[in-house]
N, C-alpha and C. Protein backbone atom coordinates (compact mmCIF):
# COMPACT_ATOMS: atom_id res chain seq x y z
N MET A 1 18.29 -11.19 4.89
CA MET A 1 18.69 -10.76 3.56
C MET A 1 18.71 -9.22 3.51
N GLN A 2 19.79 -8.68 3.02
CA GLN A 2 19.95 -7.24 2.92
C GLN A 2 19.36 -6.72 1.61
N LYS A 3 18.60 -5.63 1.69
CA LYS A 3 18.00 -5.02 0.49
C LYS A 3 19.05 -4.20 -0.23
N ARG A 4 19.11 -4.38 -1.54
CA ARG A 4 19.97 -3.56 -2.39
C ARG A 4 19.06 -2.63 -3.16
N TYR A 5 19.15 -1.34 -2.83
CA TYR A 5 18.29 -0.34 -3.45
C TYR A 5 18.74 -0.09 -4.88
N ASP A 6 17.79 0.23 -5.77
CA ASP A 6 18.15 0.57 -7.15
C ASP A 6 18.92 1.88 -7.17
N ILE A 7 18.32 2.93 -6.63
CA ILE A 7 18.97 4.25 -6.58
C ILE A 7 18.55 4.94 -5.28
N VAL A 8 19.50 5.56 -4.61
CA VAL A 8 19.20 6.39 -3.45
C VAL A 8 19.84 7.75 -3.70
N ILE A 9 19.05 8.81 -3.57
CA ILE A 9 19.55 10.18 -3.72
C ILE A 9 19.62 10.78 -2.32
N TYR A 10 20.79 11.32 -1.99
CA TYR A 10 21.01 11.91 -0.68
C TYR A 10 20.98 13.43 -0.75
N ASP A 11 20.55 14.06 0.35
CA ASP A 11 20.54 15.52 0.40
C ASP A 11 21.92 16.03 0.83
N SER A 12 22.04 17.34 0.99
CA SER A 12 23.34 17.93 1.32
C SER A 12 23.82 17.55 2.72
N GLU A 13 22.93 17.06 3.55
CA GLU A 13 23.30 16.60 4.89
C GLU A 13 23.58 15.09 4.92
N ARG A 14 23.62 14.50 3.73
CA ARG A 14 23.87 13.07 3.55
C ARG A 14 22.78 12.19 4.15
N LYS A 15 21.55 12.72 4.15
CA LYS A 15 20.39 11.94 4.57
C LYS A 15 19.65 11.48 3.33
N PRO A 16 19.06 10.29 3.36
CA PRO A 16 18.32 9.81 2.19
C PRO A 16 17.17 10.75 1.83
N PHE A 17 17.19 11.27 0.62
CA PHE A 17 16.16 12.19 0.14
C PHE A 17 15.11 11.43 -0.67
N MET A 18 15.58 10.55 -1.57
CA MET A 18 14.65 9.82 -2.43
C MET A 18 15.15 8.41 -2.71
N LEU A 19 14.23 7.47 -2.57
CA LEU A 19 14.46 6.09 -2.97
C LEU A 19 13.82 5.91 -4.34
N VAL A 20 14.59 5.44 -5.31
CA VAL A 20 14.08 5.21 -6.66
C VAL A 20 14.09 3.70 -6.91
N GLU A 21 12.94 3.17 -7.25
CA GLU A 21 12.81 1.76 -7.59
C GLU A 21 12.46 1.64 -9.06
N CYS A 22 13.30 0.96 -9.81
CA CYS A 22 13.13 0.80 -11.26
C CYS A 22 12.68 -0.62 -11.58
N LYS A 23 11.62 -0.71 -12.32
CA LYS A 23 11.08 -1.99 -12.75
C LYS A 23 11.19 -2.11 -14.27
N ALA A 24 11.12 -3.32 -14.78
CA ALA A 24 11.10 -3.53 -16.23
C ALA A 24 9.78 -2.98 -16.79
N GLN A 25 9.80 -2.62 -18.08
CA GLN A 25 8.59 -2.08 -18.72
C GLN A 25 7.42 -3.05 -18.64
N THR A 26 7.71 -4.32 -18.57
CA THR A 26 6.66 -5.35 -18.53
C THR A 26 6.08 -5.54 -17.13
N VAL A 27 6.69 -4.90 -16.13
CA VAL A 27 6.21 -5.02 -14.75
C VAL A 27 5.34 -3.81 -14.43
N PRO A 28 4.04 -4.03 -14.23
CA PRO A 28 3.16 -2.89 -13.93
C PRO A 28 3.42 -2.35 -12.52
N ILE A 29 3.19 -1.06 -12.36
CA ILE A 29 3.28 -0.44 -11.04
C ILE A 29 1.91 -0.61 -10.38
N THR A 30 1.85 -1.49 -9.40
CA THR A 30 0.59 -1.84 -8.73
C THR A 30 0.68 -1.53 -7.24
N ASP A 31 -0.39 -1.78 -6.52
CA ASP A 31 -0.38 -1.61 -5.07
C ASP A 31 0.70 -2.49 -4.44
N LYS A 32 0.91 -3.66 -4.99
CA LYS A 32 1.94 -4.57 -4.48
C LYS A 32 3.33 -3.95 -4.65
N THR A 33 3.58 -3.33 -5.79
CA THR A 33 4.86 -2.68 -6.06
C THR A 33 5.08 -1.52 -5.10
N VAL A 34 4.03 -0.74 -4.87
CA VAL A 34 4.10 0.39 -3.94
C VAL A 34 4.37 -0.12 -2.53
N SER A 35 3.68 -1.16 -2.11
CA SER A 35 3.89 -1.73 -0.77
C SER A 35 5.31 -2.23 -0.60
N GLN A 36 5.86 -2.83 -1.63
CA GLN A 36 7.24 -3.32 -1.59
C GLN A 36 8.20 -2.15 -1.38
N ALA A 37 8.02 -1.08 -2.11
CA ALA A 37 8.91 0.08 -2.01
C ALA A 37 8.78 0.76 -0.64
N THR A 38 7.57 0.89 -0.14
CA THR A 38 7.41 1.51 1.17
C THR A 38 8.01 0.63 2.28
N ALA A 39 7.97 -0.67 2.10
CA ALA A 39 8.60 -1.58 3.07
C ALA A 39 10.12 -1.40 3.03
N TYR A 40 10.69 -1.26 1.83
CA TYR A 40 12.13 -1.01 1.71
C TYR A 40 12.51 0.29 2.42
N ASN A 41 11.61 1.25 2.39
CA ASN A 41 11.91 2.56 2.95
C ASN A 41 11.79 2.60 4.48
N LEU A 42 11.32 1.54 5.10
CA LEU A 42 11.22 1.52 6.55
C LEU A 42 12.57 1.74 7.21
N THR A 43 13.61 1.14 6.68
CA THR A 43 14.94 1.31 7.27
C THR A 43 15.69 2.49 6.66
N LEU A 44 15.45 2.78 5.39
CA LEU A 44 16.15 3.88 4.73
C LEU A 44 15.60 5.23 5.19
N ASN A 45 14.28 5.32 5.29
CA ASN A 45 13.59 6.52 5.77
C ASN A 45 13.79 7.74 4.86
N ALA A 46 13.73 7.53 3.56
CA ALA A 46 13.82 8.64 2.61
C ALA A 46 12.52 9.43 2.61
N LYS A 47 12.62 10.72 2.33
CA LYS A 47 11.45 11.61 2.32
C LYS A 47 10.53 11.30 1.14
N TYR A 48 11.11 10.83 0.03
CA TYR A 48 10.34 10.55 -1.19
C TYR A 48 10.67 9.17 -1.73
N ILE A 49 9.70 8.59 -2.43
CA ILE A 49 9.89 7.35 -3.18
C ILE A 49 9.43 7.60 -4.61
N LEU A 50 10.23 7.20 -5.56
CA LEU A 50 9.85 7.27 -6.98
C LEU A 50 9.89 5.86 -7.52
N LEU A 51 8.77 5.41 -8.07
CA LEU A 51 8.66 4.09 -8.70
C LEU A 51 8.45 4.29 -10.19
N THR A 52 9.19 3.57 -11.01
CA THR A 52 8.99 3.70 -12.45
C THR A 52 9.27 2.38 -13.16
N ASN A 53 8.56 2.20 -14.26
CA ASN A 53 8.84 1.09 -15.16
C ASN A 53 9.15 1.65 -16.56
N GLY A 54 9.40 2.94 -16.63
CA GLY A 54 9.70 3.59 -17.91
C GLY A 54 8.44 4.06 -18.63
N VAL A 55 7.30 3.53 -18.25
CA VAL A 55 6.02 3.91 -18.85
C VAL A 55 5.19 4.68 -17.82
N THR A 56 5.12 4.13 -16.63
CA THR A 56 4.39 4.74 -15.53
C THR A 56 5.38 5.14 -14.44
N THR A 57 5.18 6.34 -13.89
CA THR A 57 6.01 6.80 -12.78
C THR A 57 5.10 7.30 -11.67
N ILE A 58 5.38 6.86 -10.46
CA ILE A 58 4.63 7.29 -9.28
C ILE A 58 5.62 7.89 -8.29
N ILE A 59 5.27 9.05 -7.76
CA ILE A 59 6.11 9.73 -6.77
C ILE A 59 5.31 9.82 -5.48
N LEU A 60 5.91 9.40 -4.38
CA LEU A 60 5.26 9.42 -3.08
C LEU A 60 6.08 10.25 -2.11
N ARG A 61 5.40 11.04 -1.29
CA ARG A 61 6.06 11.82 -0.23
C ARG A 61 5.66 11.21 1.11
N LYS A 62 6.66 10.95 1.94
CA LYS A 62 6.41 10.37 3.26
C LYS A 62 5.92 11.45 4.22
N THR A 63 4.86 11.11 4.97
CA THR A 63 4.33 11.99 6.00
C THR A 63 4.24 11.19 7.30
N SER A 64 3.85 11.84 8.36
CA SER A 64 3.67 11.13 9.63
C SER A 64 2.49 10.17 9.58
N GLN A 65 1.62 10.35 8.60
CA GLN A 65 0.42 9.53 8.45
C GLN A 65 0.59 8.40 7.43
N GLY A 66 1.67 8.42 6.68
CA GLY A 66 1.90 7.43 5.61
C GLY A 66 2.53 8.10 4.41
N TYR A 67 1.96 7.86 3.23
CA TYR A 67 2.49 8.43 1.98
C TYR A 67 1.40 9.15 1.21
N ILE A 68 1.80 10.24 0.56
CA ILE A 68 0.89 11.01 -0.29
C ILE A 68 1.49 11.05 -1.69
N GLN A 69 0.67 10.74 -2.70
CA GLN A 69 1.16 10.78 -4.07
C GLN A 69 1.37 12.23 -4.52
N GLN A 70 2.49 12.47 -5.21
CA GLN A 70 2.86 13.78 -5.72
C GLN A 70 2.72 13.80 -7.23
N LYS A 71 2.52 14.97 -7.79
CA LYS A 71 2.39 15.10 -9.25
C LYS A 71 3.71 15.41 -9.93
N THR A 72 4.65 15.99 -9.17
CA THR A 72 5.94 16.36 -9.76
C THR A 72 7.08 15.84 -8.91
N ILE A 73 8.24 15.75 -9.54
CA ILE A 73 9.45 15.35 -8.82
C ILE A 73 9.93 16.53 -7.99
N PRO A 74 10.17 16.31 -6.70
CA PRO A 74 10.59 17.42 -5.86
C PRO A 74 12.03 17.84 -6.17
N HIS A 75 12.33 19.11 -5.86
CA HIS A 75 13.68 19.62 -6.05
C HIS A 75 14.53 19.29 -4.84
N LEU A 76 15.73 18.88 -5.08
CA LEU A 76 16.69 18.60 -4.01
C LEU A 76 17.34 19.92 -3.62
N LYS A 77 17.28 20.25 -2.35
CA LYS A 77 17.85 21.52 -1.87
C LYS A 77 19.17 21.28 -1.19
């Protein structure tokens, strides 16, 4: 089964910069939601993941060690 991403933002080199996963307001952002998004990113390999349900937003930056939560949305250069 092929994954259909909600939103993918590409950088100027046409590489995936950010994967955005949008959930309904009634769907909480949990560890399971984060694990699902990071699994989707295994093939996409975006530098950032943004998860939101319109109430809660989590931004993650990919590192060689895994993911680190960010406080702000990064700027696309």
